[in-house]
Amino acid sequence: MGRIFRSCIQSILKMVNSILGMVGIAMIMYAIWMIRVWKQHMDGHHSHAPWFIYTFLGLGGSLCLFTCFGHAAADTGNG
């Protein structure tokens, strides 16, 4: 009974980890889209993109990185 429970929990954690990875990729894609729209909107003005765009990009990258570590830990875990 314990092995079935553990296997079920591991499967759920892997699924949640995969969903978080997809969310991280979506955040990166959205941040890139926001940067592109910002540059089109500025049309020759030399200004920096708002801080929240870069924050969004950084959070998406961090989420993807943590997801990769989670997948590695799930694959190498004893059990």
PDB file of N, CA and C in Angstrom:
ATOM      1  N   MET A   1       0.813  -1.189   0.000  1.00  0.00           N
ATOM      2  CA  MET A   1       0.000   0.000   0.000  1.00  0.00           C
ATOM      3  C   MET A   1       0.860   1.258   0.000  1.00  0.00           C
ATOM      4  N   GLY A   2       1.966   1.214   0.704  1.00  0.00           N
ATOM      5  CA  GLY A   2       2.863   2.367   0.782  1.00  0.00           C
ATOM      6  C   GLY A   2       3.506   2.691  -0.557  1.00  0.00           C
ATOM      7  N   ARG A   3       3.865   1.645  -1.328  1.00  0.00           N
ATOM      8  CA  ARG A   3       4.493   1.881  -2.628  1.00  0.00           C
ATOM      9  C   ARG A   3       3.507   2.487  -3.614  1.00  0.00           C
ATOM     10  N   ILE A   4       2.253   2.066  -3.545  1.00  0.00           N
ATOM     11  CA  ILE A   4       1.233   2.624  -4.440  1.00  0.00           C
ATOM     12  C   ILE A   4       1.021   4.100  -4.130  1.00  0.00           C
ATOM     13  N   PHE A   5       0.937   4.426  -2.830  1.00  0.00           N
ATOM     14  CA  PHE A   5       0.759   5.814  -2.414  1.00  0.00           C
ATOM     15  C   PHE A   5       1.944   6.663  -2.856  1.00  0.00           C
ATOM     16  N   ARG A   6       3.138   6.142  -2.650  1.00  0.00           N
ATOM     17  CA  ARG A   6       4.346   6.879  -3.035  1.00  0.00           C
ATOM     18  C   ARG A   6       4.405   7.080  -4.544  1.00  0.00           C
ATOM     19  N   SER A   7       4.057   6.057  -5.302  1.00  0.00           N
ATOM     20  CA  SER A   7       4.045   6.160  -6.759  1.00  0.00           C
ATOM     21  C   SER A   7       3.019   7.184  -7.227  1.00  0.00           C
ATOM     22  N   CYS A   8       1.867   7.209  -6.587  1.00  0.00           N
ATOM     23  CA  CYS A   8       0.821   8.172  -6.932  1.00  0.00           C
ATOM     24  C   CYS A   8       1.281   9.603  -6.636  1.00  0.00           C
ATOM     25  N   ILE A   9       1.881   9.801  -5.491  1.00  0.00           N
ATOM     26  CA  ILE A   9       2.388  11.132  -5.118  1.00  0.00           C
ATOM     27  C   ILE A   9       3.482  11.579  -6.086  1.00  0.00           C
ATOM     28  N   GLN A  10       4.397  10.685  -6.450  1.00  0.00           N
ATOM     29  CA  GLN A  10       5.446  11.035  -7.397  1.00  0.00           C
ATOM     30  C   GLN A  10       4.859  11.412  -8.754  1.00  0.00           C
ATOM     31  N   SER A  11       3.862  10.695  -9.207  1.00  0.00           N
ATOM     32  CA  SER A  11       3.225  11.007 -10.483  1.00  0.00           C
ATOM     33  C   SER A  11       2.541  12.371 -10.443  1.00  0.00           C
ATOM     34  N   ILE A  12       1.867  12.654  -9.343  1.00  0.00           N
ATOM     35  CA  ILE A  12       1.204  13.954  -9.201  1.00  0.00           C
ATOM     36  C   ILE A  12       2.232  15.073  -9.176  1.00  0.00           C
ATOM     37  N   LEU A  13       3.328  14.871  -8.454  1.00  0.00           N
ATOM     38  CA  LEU A  13       4.372  15.896  -8.391  1.00  0.00           C
ATOM     39  C   LEU A  13       5.015  16.121  -9.758  1.00  0.00           C
ATOM     40  N   LYS A  14       5.235  15.058 -10.519  1.00  0.00           N
ATOM     41  CA  LYS A  14       5.786  15.205 -11.861  1.00  0.00           C
ATOM     42  C   LYS A  14       4.826  15.973 -12.767  1.00  0.00           C
ATOM     43  N   MET A  15       3.524  15.692 -12.632  1.00  0.00           N
ATOM     44  CA  MET A  15       2.536  16.392 -13.443  1.00  0.00           C
ATOM     45  C   MET A  15       2.501  17.886 -13.084  1.00  0.00           C
ATOM     46  N   VAL A  16       2.510  18.202 -11.800  1.00  0.00           N
ATOM     47  CA  VAL A  16       2.520  19.601 -11.366  1.00  0.00           C
ATOM     48  C   VAL A  16       3.795  20.288 -11.835  1.00  0.00           C
ATOM     49  N   ASN A  17       4.913  19.584 -11.766  1.00  0.00           N
ATOM     50  CA  ASN A  17       6.183  20.123 -12.216  1.00  0.00           C
ATOM     51  C   ASN A  17       6.144  20.418 -13.717  1.00  0.00           C
ATOM     52  N   SER A  18       5.537  19.547 -14.482  1.00  0.00           N
ATOM     53  CA  SER A  18       5.413  19.771 -15.928  1.00  0.00           C
ATOM     54  C   SER A  18       4.532  20.974 -16.226  1.00  0.00           C
ATOM     55  N   ILE A  19       3.455  21.115 -15.477  1.00  0.00           N
ATOM     56  CA  ILE A  19       2.569  22.261 -15.667  1.00  0.00           C
ATOM     57  C   ILE A  19       3.305  23.553 -15.335  1.00  0.00           C
ATOM     58  N   LEU A  20       4.088  23.552 -14.258  1.00  0.00           N
ATOM     59  CA  LEU A  20       4.867  24.735 -13.908  1.00  0.00           C
ATOM     60  C   LEU A  20       5.898  25.061 -14.992  1.00  0.00           C
ATOM     61  N   GLY A  21       6.483  24.044 -15.590  1.00  0.00           N
ATOM     62  CA  GLY A  21       7.412  24.269 -16.693  1.00  0.00           C
ATOM     63  C   GLY A  21       6.738  24.939 -17.873  1.00  0.00           C
ATOM     64  N   MET A  22       5.516  24.486 -18.195  1.00  0.00           N
ATOM     65  CA  MET A  22       4.770  25.104 -19.289  1.00  0.00           C
ATOM     66  C   MET A  22       4.392  26.550 -18.959  1.00  0.00           C
ATOM     67  N   VAL A  23       4.065  26.806 -17.700  1.00  0.00           N
ATOM     68  CA  VAL A  23       3.751  28.171 -17.277  1.00  0.00           C
ATOM     69  C   VAL A  23       4.992  29.058 -17.419  1.00  0.00           C
ATOM     70  N   GLY A  24       6.152  28.538 -17.036  1.00  0.00           N
ATOM     71  CA  GLY A  24       7.394  29.295 -17.186  1.00  0.00           C
ATOM     72  C   GLY A  24       7.698  29.622 -18.635  1.00  0.00           C
ATOM     73  N   ILE A  25       7.501  28.655 -19.523  1.00  0.00           N
ATOM     74  CA  ILE A  25       7.726  28.898 -20.951  1.00  0.00           C
ATOM     75  C   ILE A  25       6.730  29.936 -21.469  1.00  0.00           C
ATOM     76  N   ALA A  26       5.475  29.850 -21.020  1.00  0.00           N
ATOM     77  CA  ALA A  26       4.469  30.832 -21.436  1.00  0.00           C
ATOM     78  C   ALA A  26       4.831  32.230 -20.940  1.00  0.00           C
ATOM     79  N   MET A  27       5.379  32.327 -19.725  1.00  0.00           N
ATOM     80  CA  MET A  27       5.794  33.627 -19.203  1.00  0.00           C
ATOM     81  C   MET A  27       6.923  34.220 -20.031  1.00  0.00           C
ATOM     82  N   ILE A  28       7.868  33.389 -20.436  1.00  0.00           N
ATOM     83  CA  ILE A  28       8.972  33.864 -21.273  1.00  0.00           C
ATOM     84  C   ILE A  28       8.445  34.335 -22.621  1.00  0.00           C
ATOM     85  N   MET A  29       7.561  33.559 -23.226  1.00  0.00           N
ATOM     86  CA  MET A  29       7.013  33.939 -24.528  1.00  0.00           C
ATOM     87  C   MET A  29       6.208  35.239 -24.423  1.00  0.00           C
ATOM     88  N   TYR A  30       5.455  35.397 -23.360  1.00  0.00           N
ATOM     89  CA  TYR A  30       4.665  36.615 -23.170  1.00  0.00           C
ATOM     90  C   TYR A  30       5.571  37.828 -22.941  1.00  0.00           C
ATOM     91  N   ALA A  31       6.644  37.653 -22.190  1.00  0.00           N
ATOM     92  CA  ALA A  31       7.577  38.751 -21.958  1.00  0.00           C
ATOM     93  C   ALA A  31       8.254  39.168 -23.261  1.00  0.00           C
ATOM     94  N   ILE A  32       8.628  38.207 -24.090  1.00  0.00           N
ATOM     95  CA  ILE A  32       9.230  38.533 -25.386  1.00  0.00           C
ATOM     96  C   ILE A  32       8.221  39.272 -26.249  1.00  0.00           C
ATOM     97  N   TRP A  33       6.971  38.843 -26.225  1.00  0.00           N
ATOM     98  CA  TRP A  33       5.931  39.533 -26.980  1.00  0.00           C
ATOM     99  C   TRP A  33       5.749  40.969 -26.478  1.00  0.00           C
ATOM    100  N   MET A  34       5.757  41.158 -25.139  1.00  0.00           N
ATOM    101  CA  MET A  34       5.611  42.497 -24.575  1.00  0.00           C
ATOM    102  C   MET A  34       6.768  43.399 -24.983  1.00  0.00           C
ATOM    103  N   ILE A  35       7.993  42.858 -25.007  1.00  0.00           N
ATOM    104  CA  ILE A  35       9.151  43.653 -25.431  1.00  0.00           C
ATOM    105  C   ILE A  35       8.990  44.069 -26.891  1.00  0.00           C
ATOM    106  N   ARG A  36       8.533  43.142 -27.735  1.00  0.00           N
ATOM    107  CA  ARG A  36       8.348  43.452 -29.157  1.00  0.00           C
ATOM    108  C   ARG A  36       7.297  44.548 -29.346  1.00  0.00           C
ATOM    109  N   VAL A  37       6.183  44.443 -28.637  1.00  0.00           N
ATOM    110  CA  VAL A  37       5.131  45.454 -28.733  1.00  0.00           C
ATOM    111  C   VAL A  37       5.624  46.789 -28.195  1.00  0.00           C
ATOM    112  N   TRP A  38       6.383  46.767 -27.120  1.00  0.00           N
ATOM    113  CA  TRP A  38       6.923  47.999 -26.544  1.00  0.00           C
ATOM    114  C   TRP A  38       7.842  48.691 -27.539  1.00  0.00           C
ATOM    115  N   LYS A  39       8.693  47.936 -28.193  1.00  0.00           N
ATOM    116  CA  LYS A  39       9.608  48.528 -29.174  1.00  0.00           C
ATOM    117  C   LYS A  39       8.848  49.090 -30.370  1.00  0.00           C
ATOM    118  N   GLN A  40       7.795  48.417 -30.808  1.00  0.00           N
ATOM    119  CA  GLN A  40       6.986  48.937 -31.912  1.00  0.00           C
ATOM    120  C   GLN A  40       6.254  50.208 -31.489  1.00  0.00           C
ATOM    121  N   HIS A  41       5.826  50.257 -30.262  1.00  0.00           N
ATOM    122  CA  HIS A  41       5.100  51.413 -29.752  1.00  0.00           C
ATOM    123  C   HIS A  41       6.013  52.632 -29.625  1.00  0.00           C
ATOM    124  N   MET A  42       7.261  52.418 -29.298  1.00  0.00           N
ATOM    125  CA  MET A  42       8.181  53.533 -29.074  1.00  0.00           C
ATOM    126  C   MET A  42       8.687  54.142 -30.388  1.00  0.00           C
ATOM    127  N   ASP A  43       8.703  53.406 -31.487  1.00  0.00           N
ATOM    128  CA  ASP A  43       9.019  53.916 -32.835  1.00  0.00           C
ATOM    129  C   ASP A  43      10.168  54.926 -32.880  1.00  0.00           C
ATOM    130  N   GLY A  44      11.331  54.547 -32.525  1.00  0.00           N
ATOM    131  CA  GLY A  44      12.490  55.421 -32.647  1.00  0.00           C
ATOM    132  C   GLY A  44      12.879  56.151 -31.383  1.00  0.00           C
ATOM    133  N   HIS A  45      12.011  56.220 -30.411  1.00  0.00           N
ATOM    134  CA  HIS A  45      12.381  56.805 -29.130  1.00  0.00           C
ATOM    135  C   HIS A  45      13.324  55.839 -28.432  1.00  0.00           C
ATOM    136  N   HIS A  46      14.332  56.359 -27.814  1.00  0.00           N
ATOM    137  CA  HIS A  46      15.303  55.497 -27.137  1.00  0.00           C
ATOM    138  C   HIS A  46      15.003  55.481 -25.645  1.00  0.00           C
ATOM    139  N   SER A  47      14.215  54.538 -25.255  1.00  0.00           N
ATOM    140  CA  SER A  47      13.931  54.374 -23.831  1.00  0.00           C
ATOM    141  C   SER A  47      13.929  52.884 -23.507  1.00  0.00           C
ATOM    142  N   HIS A  48      14.067  52.608 -22.247  1.00  0.00           N
ATOM    143  CA  HIS A  48      14.105  51.215 -21.803  1.00  0.00           C
ATOM    144  C   HIS A  48      12.689  50.696 -21.598  1.00  0.00           C
ATOM    145  N   ALA A  49      12.532  49.400 -21.775  1.00  0.00           N
ATOM    146  CA  ALA A  49      11.240  48.771 -21.511  1.00  0.00           C
ATOM    147  C   ALA A  49      10.954  48.858 -20.018  1.00  0.00           C
ATOM    148  N   PRO A  50       9.691  48.899 -19.649  1.00  0.00           N
ATOM    149  CA  PRO A  50       9.339  48.968 -18.225  1.00  0.00           C
ATOM    150  C   PRO A  50       9.918  47.789 -17.439  1.00  0.00           C
ATOM    151  N   TRP A  51      10.175  48.035 -16.193  1.00  0.00           N
ATOM    152  CA  TRP A  51      10.827  47.051 -15.340  1.00  0.00           C
ATOM    153  C   TRP A  51      10.024  45.761 -15.227  1.00  0.00           C
ATOM    154  N   PHE A  52       8.689  45.854 -15.289  1.00  0.00           N
ATOM    155  CA  PHE A  52       7.885  44.646 -15.086  1.00  0.00           C
ATOM    156  C   PHE A  52       8.042  43.649 -16.231  1.00  0.00           C
ATOM    157  N   ILE A  53       8.409  44.130 -17.428  1.00  0.00           N
ATOM    158  CA  ILE A  53       8.622  43.204 -18.544  1.00  0.00           C
ATOM    159  C   ILE A  53       9.852  42.343 -18.259  1.00  0.00           C
ATOM    160  N   TYR A  54      10.919  42.991 -17.822  1.00  0.00           N
ATOM    161  CA  TYR A  54      12.130  42.235 -17.511  1.00  0.00           C
ATOM    162  C   TYR A  54      11.939  41.348 -16.277  1.00  0.00           C
ATOM    163  N   THR A  55      11.143  41.813 -15.320  1.00  0.00           N
ATOM    164  CA  THR A  55      10.836  40.994 -14.151  1.00  0.00           C
ATOM    165  C   THR A  55      10.061  39.750 -14.556  1.00  0.00           C
ATOM    166  N   PHE A  56       9.084  39.931 -15.445  1.00  0.00           N
ATOM    167  CA  PHE A  56       8.294  38.814 -15.940  1.00  0.00           C
ATOM    168  C   PHE A  56       9.186  37.813 -16.666  1.00  0.00           C
ATOM    169  N   LEU A  57      10.115  38.323 -17.474  1.00  0.00           N
ATOM    170  CA  LEU A  57      11.052  37.454 -18.195  1.00  0.00           C
ATOM    171  C   LEU A  57      11.947  36.689 -17.220  1.00  0.00           C
ATOM    172  N   GLY A  58      12.440  37.373 -16.210  1.00  0.00           N
ATOM    173  CA  GLY A  58      13.286  36.719 -15.213  1.00  0.00           C
ATOM    174  C   GLY A  58      12.551  35.677 -14.398  1.00  0.00           C
ATOM    175  N   LEU A  59      11.319  35.976 -14.025  1.00  0.00           N
ATOM    176  CA  LEU A  59      10.530  34.999 -13.267  1.00  0.00           C
ATOM    177  C   LEU A  59      10.218  33.768 -14.104  1.00  0.00           C
ATOM    178  N   GLY A  60       9.923  33.970 -15.381  1.00  0.00           N
ATOM    179  CA  GLY A  60       9.663  32.825 -16.255  1.00  0.00           C
ATOM    180  C   GLY A  60      10.897  31.963 -16.425  1.00  0.00           C
ATOM    181  N   GLY A  61      12.062  32.598 -16.580  1.00  0.00           N
ATOM    182  CA  GLY A  61      13.314  31.851 -16.699  1.00  0.00           C
ATOM    183  C   GLY A  61      13.643  31.098 -15.421  1.00  0.00           C
ATOM    184  N   SER A  62      13.420  31.743 -14.296  1.00  0.00           N
ATOM    185  CA  SER A  62      13.671  31.081 -13.008  1.00  0.00           C
ATOM    186  C   SER A  62      12.739  29.898 -12.801  1.00  0.00           C
ATOM    187  N   LEU A  63      11.490  30.062 -13.187  1.00  0.00           N
ATOM    188  CA  LEU A  63      10.529  28.967 -13.054  1.00  0.00           C
ATOM    189  C   LEU A  63      10.932  27.780 -13.920  1.00  0.00           C
ATOM    190  N   CYS A  64      11.391  28.057 -15.136  1.00  0.00           N
ATOM    191  CA  CYS A  64      11.853  26.969 -16.011  1.00  0.00           C
ATOM    192  C   CYS A  64      13.094  26.284 -15.422  1.00  0.00           C
ATOM    193  N   LEU A  65      13.999  27.076 -14.863  1.00  0.00           N
ATOM    194  CA  LEU A  65      15.203  26.511 -14.270  1.00  0.00           C
ATOM    195  C   LEU A  65      14.861  25.615 -13.076  1.00  0.00           C
ATOM    196  N   PHE A  66      13.977  26.085 -12.213  1.00  0.00           N
ATOM    197  CA  PHE A  66      13.567  25.278 -11.060  1.00  0.00           C
ATOM    198  C   PHE A  66      12.834  24.018 -11.500  1.00  0.00           C
ATOM    199  N   THR A  67      12.079  24.122 -12.575  1.00  0.00           N
ATOM    200  CA  THR A  67      11.383  22.956 -13.097  1.00  0.00           C
ATOM    201  C   THR A  67      12.367  21.915 -13.601  1.00  0.00           C
ATOM    202  N   CYS A  68      13.425  22.380 -14.276  1.00  0.00           N
ATOM    203  CA  CYS A  68      14.466  21.440 -14.738  1.00  0.00           C
ATOM    204  C   CYS A  68      15.119  20.737 -13.557  1.00  0.00           C
ATOM    205  N   PHE A  69      15.409  21.492 -12.492  1.00  0.00           N
ATOM    206  CA  PHE A  69      15.974  20.874 -11.294  1.00  0.00           C
ATOM    207  C   PHE A  69      14.996  19.886 -10.683  1.00  0.00           C
ATOM    208  N   GLY A  70      13.704  20.212 -10.689  1.00  0.00           N
ATOM    209  CA  GLY A  70      12.688  19.301 -10.153  1.00  0.00           C
ATOM    210  C   GLY A  70      12.602  18.012 -10.949  1.00  0.00           C
ATOM    211  N   HIS A  71      12.680  18.120 -12.275  1.00  0.00           N
ATOM    212  CA  HIS A  71      12.654  16.900 -13.095  1.00  0.00           C
ATOM    213  C   HIS A  71      13.884  16.039 -12.831  1.00  0.00           C
ATOM    214  N   ALA A  72      15.037  16.689 -12.708  1.00  0.00           N
ATOM    215  CA  ALA A  72      16.269  15.933 -12.425  1.00  0.00           C
ATOM    216  C   ALA A  72      16.175  15.245 -11.074  1.00  0.00           C
ATOM    217  N   ALA A  73      15.641  15.943 -10.084  1.00  0.00           N
ATOM    218  CA  ALA A  73      15.510  15.345  -8.747  1.00  0.00           C
ATOM    219  C   ALA A  73      14.500  14.205  -8.759  1.00  0.00           C
ATOM    220  N   ALA A  74      13.424  14.359  -9.514  1.00  0.00           N
ATOM    221  CA  ALA A  74      12.424  13.294  -9.563  1.00  0.00           C
ATOM    222  C   ALA A  74      12.962  12.044 -10.267  1.00  0.00           C
ATOM    223  N   ASP A  75      13.800  12.236 -11.261  1.00  0.00           N
ATOM    224  CA  ASP A  75      14.355  11.098 -11.987  1.00  0.00           C
ATOM    225  C   ASP A  75      15.459  10.384 -11.203  1.00  0.00           C
ATOM    226  N   THR A  76      16.190  11.123 -10.391  1.00  0.00           N
ATOM    227  CA  THR A  76      17.304  10.515  -9.673  1.00  0.00           C
ATOM    228  C   THR A  76      16.946  10.120  -8.240  1.00  0.00           C
ATOM    229  N   GLY A  77      15.721  10.393  -7.816  1.00  0.00           N
ATOM    230  CA  GLY A  77      15.299  10.065  -6.461  1.00  0.00           C
ATOM    231  C   GLY A  77      15.325   8.564  -6.198  1.00  0.00           C
ATOM    232  N   ASN A  78      15.682   8.210  -4.994  1.00  0.00           N
ATOM    233  CA  ASN A  78      15.697   6.794  -4.615  1.00  0.00           C
ATOM    234  C   ASN A  78      14.266   6.312  -4.405  1.00  0.00           C
ATOM    235  N   GLY A  79      14.024   5.108  -4.779  1.00  0.00           N
ATOM    236  CA  GLY A  79      12.693   4.620  -4.505  1.00  0.00           C
ATOM    237  C   GLY A  79      12.327   3.545  -5.428  1.00  0.00           C
TER     238      GLY A  79
END
